[in-house]
Amino acid sequence: EKDWSYQGINVGRATLGNWVLKASREHLFPLFDLMREELLRGAVIAADETEVQVLKEKDRAPSSKSKMWVYRSIDPEGSPPIVLFEYQPGRSGNYAASFLKGFKGKLMTDAYQGYNAVSDVTHCFCWAHNRRYWHNALPKERKGSLAKIGLDYCDQLFALEREWAELPWEERHKARNEHARKILDEYFAWVESLNVLAGSNLGKAVQYTLNNKEGLLGYLSDGRVEISNNRIESNIRKFVIGRNNFIAIDTASGARASAVCYSLVLTAQENGLNVYEYLKHLFSELPKRRKNKDPE
């Protein structure tokens, strides 16, 4: 708004907002739906969520915290990456179950129990989150501490993944089950042998590991599954930077439009496209296609 006013073009912020709402609703929402269909056809999806504040939402206080749910395809050798944001007023796992309905593959998450609502998938948990618990438990004198031992086990697994980064996914799957599995067996046996103070940082690391053992072993099931959710966290970070500037979104319809716009822009970035030229192409071509009223 200010940039344009400096150039002698005075357009109100409400008008600019309405342009985004109208353009998204008429042209980008159908494209978003097609991208979601493509996402669900993949073998591996990563999911996460972050907070967003919506000021005007029915039956909710302006201070209420809502969620931007984020989903992205993980397929290093297959389809182009897709990153999709979806606005929802809460953190119920039913939102993820609804969005991912029909997906039957591997679901990568941070072990948030809400994702258990997503059925017919293999749950694979992020090892970066597990590693963080051991890191938080480190004492000032790290050498020889239990937390340092736990951290070292995690670092061994990450080091192997860096070695196997260029392997075809079938070979990575084989390598994990031949080499990483030995470290994992040793790691979980060691954690199970520990007797630590419940509620301490060390106790939290042990409890997190034992509670989520099955999900932490999930990445052994498919070489396309990554050991951490760092890719999707990087996508979310870009939304968080924007949120730090705009603070809150005015309406729920604005939040949904924002989600679709972020989806298009971040997917374009992930595919190495010039975002401006991509949006220019969309808004030149989609209106032409809409004239025939045929969604396909």
Protein backbone atom coordinates (compact mmCIF):
# COMPACT_ATOMS: atom_id res chain seq x y z
CA GLU A 1 0.00 0.00 0.00
CA LYS A 2 2.75 2.45 0.99
CA ASP A 3 5.02 1.49 -1.89
CA TRP A 4 2.27 2.24 -4.40
CA SER A 5 1.32 5.50 -2.67
CA TYR A 6 4.91 6.70 -3.01
CA GLN A 7 4.45 6.23 -6.76
CA GLY A 8 1.21 8.20 -6.82
CA ILE A 9 -1.16 5.23 -6.85
CA ASN A 10 -3.50 5.30 -3.86
CA VAL A 11 -5.24 1.99 -3.32
CA GLY A 12 -6.56 1.15 0.15
CA ARG A 13 -5.39 -1.88 2.06
CA ALA A 14 -8.93 -3.30 2.20
CA THR A 15 -9.11 -3.14 -1.60
CA LEU A 16 -5.76 -4.89 -1.95
CA GLY A 17 -6.96 -7.56 0.47
CA ASN A 18 -10.16 -8.07 -1.51
CA TRP A 19 -8.15 -8.46 -4.71
CA VAL A 20 -6.20 -11.30 -3.10
CA LEU A 21 -9.40 -12.92 -1.80
CA LYS A 22 -11.20 -12.72 -5.15
CA ALA A 23 -8.23 -13.83 -7.26
CA SER A 24 -7.50 -16.74 -4.93
CA ARG A 25 -11.10 -17.90 -4.78
CA GLU A 26 -11.69 -17.76 -8.53
CA HIS A 27 -8.35 -18.95 -9.85
CA LEU A 28 -6.02 -20.41 -7.22
CA PHE A 29 -8.39 -22.55 -5.14
CA PRO A 30 -9.12 -24.94 -8.07
CA LEU A 31 -5.39 -25.25 -8.73
CA PHE A 32 -4.79 -25.94 -5.02
CA ASP A 33 -7.35 -28.77 -5.18
CA LEU A 34 -5.52 -30.35 -8.11
CA MET A 35 -2.20 -30.07 -6.26
CA ARG A 36 -3.76 -31.80 -3.25
CA GLU A 37 -4.94 -34.68 -5.46
CA GLU A 38 -1.39 -35.01 -6.77
CA LEU A 39 0.07 -34.86 -3.25
CA LEU A 40 -2.15 -37.71 -2.06
CA ARG A 41 -0.95 -39.93 -4.89
CA GLY A 42 2.61 -39.84 -3.53
CA ALA A 43 4.34 -42.43 -1.36
CA VAL A 44 5.57 -40.15 1.43
CA ILE A 45 4.07 -36.99 2.94
CA ALA A 46 5.54 -34.83 5.69
CA ALA A 47 3.17 -32.88 7.94
CA ASP A 48 3.50 -30.19 10.58
CA GLU A 49 1.61 -27.16 11.87
CA THR A 50 2.21 -23.68 13.25
CA GLU A 51 0.18 -21.01 15.01
CA VAL A 52 -1.68 -18.16 13.34
CA GLN A 53 -4.02 -15.58 14.85
CA VAL A 54 -7.30 -14.68 13.14
CA LEU A 55 -9.04 -11.62 14.55
CA LYS A 56 -12.59 -12.03 13.26
CA GLU A 57 -13.85 -15.56 13.49
CA LYS A 58 -17.32 -16.69 14.50
CA ASP A 59 -17.70 -17.67 18.17
CA ARG A 60 -13.99 -17.15 18.91
CA ALA A 61 -12.10 -14.43 20.75
CA PRO A 62 -9.65 -12.33 18.68
CA SER A 63 -6.82 -13.58 20.91
CA SER A 64 -7.53 -17.23 20.04
CA LYS A 65 -4.74 -19.17 18.37
CA SER A 66 -5.56 -21.08 15.21
CA LYS A 67 -3.33 -23.29 13.07
CA MET A 68 -1.76 -23.38 9.65
CA TRP A 69 -1.37 -27.06 8.84
CA VAL A 70 1.37 -27.77 6.30
CA TYR A 71 1.86 -30.84 4.11
CA ARG A 72 4.60 -31.55 1.59
CA SER A 73 5.51 -34.41 -0.70
CA ILE A 74 8.77 -36.25 -0.07
CA ASP A 75 9.94 -38.04 -3.19
CA PRO A 76 13.57 -37.27 -4.15
CA GLU A 77 13.39 -39.24 -7.38
CA GLY A 78 9.75 -38.89 -8.38
CA SER A 79 7.19 -36.12 -8.80
CA PRO A 80 8.04 -32.43 -8.37
CA PRO A 81 7.73 -31.33 -4.72
CA ILE A 82 4.39 -29.94 -3.54
CA VAL A 83 3.95 -27.79 -0.41
CA LEU A 84 0.39 -27.12 0.77
CA PHE A 85 -0.86 -24.92 3.62
CA GLU A 86 -4.33 -25.34 5.08
CA TYR A 87 -5.93 -23.02 7.62
CA GLN A 88 -7.96 -24.58 10.45
CA PRO A 89 -9.22 -23.08 13.72
CA GLY A 90 -7.55 -25.72 15.91
CA ARG A 91 -5.06 -28.57 16.32
CA SER A 92 -7.42 -31.54 16.26
CA GLY A 93 -5.98 -34.50 14.41
CA ASN A 94 -9.29 -34.79 12.58
CA TYR A 95 -8.21 -31.87 10.38
CA ALA A 96 -5.18 -33.86 9.21
CA ALA A 97 -7.30 -36.98 8.77
CA SER A 98 -9.74 -35.06 6.58
CA PHE A 99 -7.04 -33.39 4.46
CA LEU A 100 -5.14 -36.66 3.96
CA LYS A 101 -8.21 -38.83 3.33
CA GLY A 102 -7.31 -41.46 0.77
CA PHE A 103 -3.57 -41.34 1.40
CA LYS A 104 -2.10 -44.78 2.13
CA GLY A 105 1.64 -44.19 2.32
CA LYS A 106 4.21 -43.08 4.89
CA LEU A 107 3.41 -40.04 7.03
CA MET A 108 6.35 -38.13 8.52
CA THR A 109 5.55 -36.07 11.64
CA ASP A 110 6.98 -34.83 14.94
CA ALA A 111 5.16 -37.50 17.01
CA TYR A 112 2.21 -35.22 17.86
CA GLN A 113 -0.48 -37.70 18.88
CA GLY A 114 -3.18 -35.90 16.88
CA TYR A 115 -1.77 -37.48 13.72
CA ASN A 116 -2.90 -40.86 15.04
CA ALA A 117 -6.31 -39.85 13.66
CA VAL A 118 -4.84 -40.43 10.19
CA SER A 119 -5.51 -44.11 9.48
CA ASP A 120 -4.09 -46.54 6.91
CA VAL A 121 -0.63 -44.93 6.97
CA THR A 122 2.78 -45.87 8.35
CA HIS A 123 3.72 -43.26 10.96
CA CYS A 124 7.37 -42.17 10.76
CA PHE A 125 8.70 -39.81 13.44
CA CYS A 126 11.37 -37.13 13.12
CA TRP A 127 14.77 -37.97 14.62
CA ALA A 128 15.73 -34.28 14.85
CA HIS A 129 13.03 -33.92 17.51
CA ASN A 130 14.39 -36.93 19.38
CA ARG A 131 17.92 -35.55 19.16
CA ARG A 132 16.70 -32.20 20.54
CA TYR A 133 15.59 -33.88 23.78
CA TRP A 134 19.11 -35.24 24.40
CA HIS A 135 20.63 -31.88 23.50
CA ASN A 136 18.36 -30.12 26.00
CA ALA A 137 19.49 -32.57 28.70
CA LEU A 138 23.23 -31.88 28.25
CA PRO A 139 24.98 -30.79 31.47
CA LYS A 140 27.76 -28.19 31.54
CA GLU A 141 30.29 -31.00 31.60
CA ARG A 142 29.18 -32.94 28.55
CA LYS A 143 31.93 -35.56 28.36
CA GLY A 144 30.76 -38.97 29.53
CA SER A 145 27.23 -37.77 30.38
CA LEU A 146 24.22 -39.90 29.53
CA ALA A 147 22.77 -37.06 27.43
CA LYS A 148 25.99 -36.92 25.38
CA ILE A 149 25.81 -40.68 24.77
CA GLY A 150 22.20 -40.35 23.57
CA LEU A 151 23.18 -37.42 21.36
CA ASP A 152 26.06 -39.43 19.88
CA TYR A 153 23.73 -42.27 18.94
CA CYS A 154 21.51 -39.82 17.05
CA ASP A 155 24.50 -38.21 15.37
CA GLN A 156 25.70 -41.61 14.15
CA LEU A 157 22.36 -42.12 12.40
CA PHE A 158 22.47 -38.66 10.80
CA ALA A 159 26.06 -39.25 9.64
CA LEU A 160 24.99 -42.45 7.86
CA GLU A 161 22.14 -40.58 6.15
CA ARG A 162 24.63 -38.03 4.80
CA GLU A 163 26.72 -40.89 3.40
CA TRP A 164 23.66 -42.40 1.70
CA ALA A 165 22.15 -39.13 0.47
CA GLU A 166 22.96 -39.81 -3.20
CA LEU A 167 21.90 -43.45 -3.23
CA PRO A 168 18.74 -44.55 -5.07
CA TRP A 169 16.00 -44.97 -2.49
CA GLU A 170 15.90 -48.76 -2.83
CA GLU A 171 19.62 -48.97 -1.98
CA ARG A 172 19.18 -46.50 0.90
CA HIS A 173 16.42 -48.72 2.26
CA LYS A 174 18.73 -51.73 2.11
CA ALA A 175 21.65 -49.86 3.69
CA ARG A 176 19.51 -48.64 6.58
CA ASN A 177 18.33 -52.12 7.41
CA GLU A 178 21.85 -53.55 7.18
CA HIS A 179 23.75 -50.85 9.08
CA ALA A 180 21.48 -48.33 10.83
CA ARG A 181 19.33 -51.08 12.34
CA LYS A 182 22.31 -52.33 14.39
CA ILE A 183 22.83 -48.89 15.88
CA LEU A 184 19.10 -48.54 16.53
CA ASP A 185 18.90 -51.89 18.34
CA GLU A 186 21.85 -50.90 20.52
CA TYR A 187 20.40 -47.44 21.14
CA PHE A 188 16.97 -48.60 22.28
CA ALA A 189 18.48 -51.35 24.47
CA TRP A 190 20.67 -48.70 26.12
CA VAL A 191 17.74 -46.30 26.67
CA GLU A 192 15.63 -49.10 28.17
CA SER A 193 18.42 -49.85 30.67
CA LEU A 194 18.54 -46.29 32.04
CA ASN A 195 17.18 -45.37 35.45
CA VAL A 196 16.79 -41.59 35.48
CA LEU A 197 14.74 -39.00 37.35
CA ALA A 198 11.27 -38.68 35.84
CA GLY A 199 10.44 -35.11 34.85
CA SER A 200 14.07 -34.05 34.44
CA ASN A 201 15.35 -33.13 30.98
CA LEU A 202 17.12 -36.48 30.90
CA GLY A 203 13.95 -38.23 32.00
CA LYS A 204 12.00 -36.46 29.23
CA ALA A 205 14.53 -37.64 26.64
CA VAL A 206 14.23 -41.24 27.83
CA GLN A 207 10.43 -41.09 28.00
CA TYR A 208 10.11 -39.51 24.54
CA THR A 209 12.35 -42.18 23.03
CA LEU A 210 10.54 -45.11 24.62
CA ASN A 211 7.05 -43.74 23.97
CA ASN A 212 7.79 -43.20 20.27
CA LYS A 213 9.98 -46.22 19.47
CA GLU A 214 7.72 -47.62 16.75
CA GLY A 215 7.44 -44.29 14.95
CA LEU A 216 11.17 -43.60 15.25
CA LEU A 217 11.84 -46.94 13.57
CA GLY A 218 9.40 -46.02 10.80
CA TYR A 219 12.03 -44.56 8.50
CA LEU A 220 13.48 -48.07 8.06
CA SER A 221 10.34 -49.03 6.12
CA ASP A 222 11.05 -46.97 2.99
CA GLY A 223 14.19 -45.39 1.56
CA ARG A 224 12.17 -42.37 0.45
CA VAL A 225 11.30 -41.48 4.04
CA GLU A 226 13.77 -38.97 5.47
CA ILE A 227 15.28 -39.21 8.93
CA SER A 228 13.98 -35.79 9.92
CA ASN A 229 11.21 -33.31 9.11
CA ASN A 230 13.73 -30.54 8.43
CA ARG A 231 12.42 -29.88 4.90
CA ILE A 232 8.90 -29.01 6.01
CA GLU A 233 10.21 -27.05 9.00
CA SER A 234 12.19 -24.93 6.53
CA ASN A 235 8.96 -24.28 4.58
CA ILE A 236 7.14 -23.30 7.77
CA ARG A 237 9.96 -20.94 8.75
CA LYS A 238 9.16 -18.79 5.71
CA PHE A 239 5.55 -18.48 6.84
CA VAL A 240 6.72 -17.62 10.37
CA ILE A 241 8.90 -14.78 9.04
CA GLY A 242 5.81 -13.36 7.32
CA ARG A 243 3.71 -13.84 10.44
CA ASN A 244 6.24 -11.89 12.48
CA ASN A 245 5.50 -8.96 10.18
CA PHE A 246 1.73 -9.16 9.71
CA ILE A 247 1.12 -10.46 13.29
CA ALA A 248 -2.49 -11.51 12.63
CA ILE A 249 -4.96 -12.19 9.80
CA ASP A 250 -8.25 -10.31 9.82
CA THR A 251 -10.74 -13.00 8.76
CA ALA A 252 -10.97 -16.76 8.30
CA SER A 253 -11.54 -16.30 4.55
CA GLY A 254 -8.35 -14.24 4.47
CA ALA A 255 -6.51 -17.03 6.31
CA ARG A 256 -7.70 -19.58 3.74
CA ALA A 257 -6.63 -17.34 0.85
CA SER A 258 -3.28 -16.75 2.55
CA ALA A 259 -2.80 -20.51 2.91
CA VAL A 260 -3.40 -21.05 -0.81
CA CYS A 261 -1.06 -18.19 -1.77
CA TYR A 262 1.71 -19.57 0.45
CA SER A 263 1.13 -23.01 -1.10
CA LEU A 264 1.61 -21.71 -4.64
CA VAL A 265 4.63 -19.56 -3.82
CA LEU A 266 6.52 -22.14 -1.73
CA THR A 267 5.80 -24.93 -4.22
CA ALA A 268 7.18 -22.69 -6.97
CA GLN A 269 10.30 -22.01 -4.91
CA GLU A 270 10.80 -25.71 -4.17
CA ASN A 271 10.70 -26.37 -7.92
CA GLY A 272 13.26 -23.68 -8.71
CA LEU A 273 10.80 -21.40 -10.51
CA ASN A 274 10.89 -17.63 -10.75
CA VAL A 275 7.93 -16.92 -8.47
CA TYR A 276 6.97 -13.63 -10.12
CA GLU A 277 6.98 -15.16 -13.62
CA TYR A 278 5.04 -18.18 -12.33
CA LEU A 279 2.29 -16.05 -10.78
CA LYS A 280 2.23 -13.85 -13.88
CA HIS A 281 1.71 -16.98 -15.99
CA LEU A 282 -1.07 -18.28 -13.70
CA PHE A 283 -3.00 -15.01 -13.71
CA SER A 284 -2.62 -14.70 -17.48
CA GLU A 285 -3.74 -18.24 -18.29
CA LEU A 286 -6.19 -19.32 -15.58
CA PRO A 287 -8.79 -16.60 -16.32
CA LYS A 288 -8.88 -17.74 -19.96
CA ARG A 289 -9.56 -21.32 -18.93
CA ARG A 290 -12.20 -20.31 -16.41
CA LYS A 291 -14.39 -18.79 -19.11
CA ASN A 292 -15.58 -22.19 -20.31
CA LYS A 293 -16.78 -23.03 -16.73
CA ASP A 294 -15.26 -26.49 -16.95
CA PRO A 295 -13.21 -27.16 -13.78
CA GLU A 296 -10.93 -29.62 -15.56
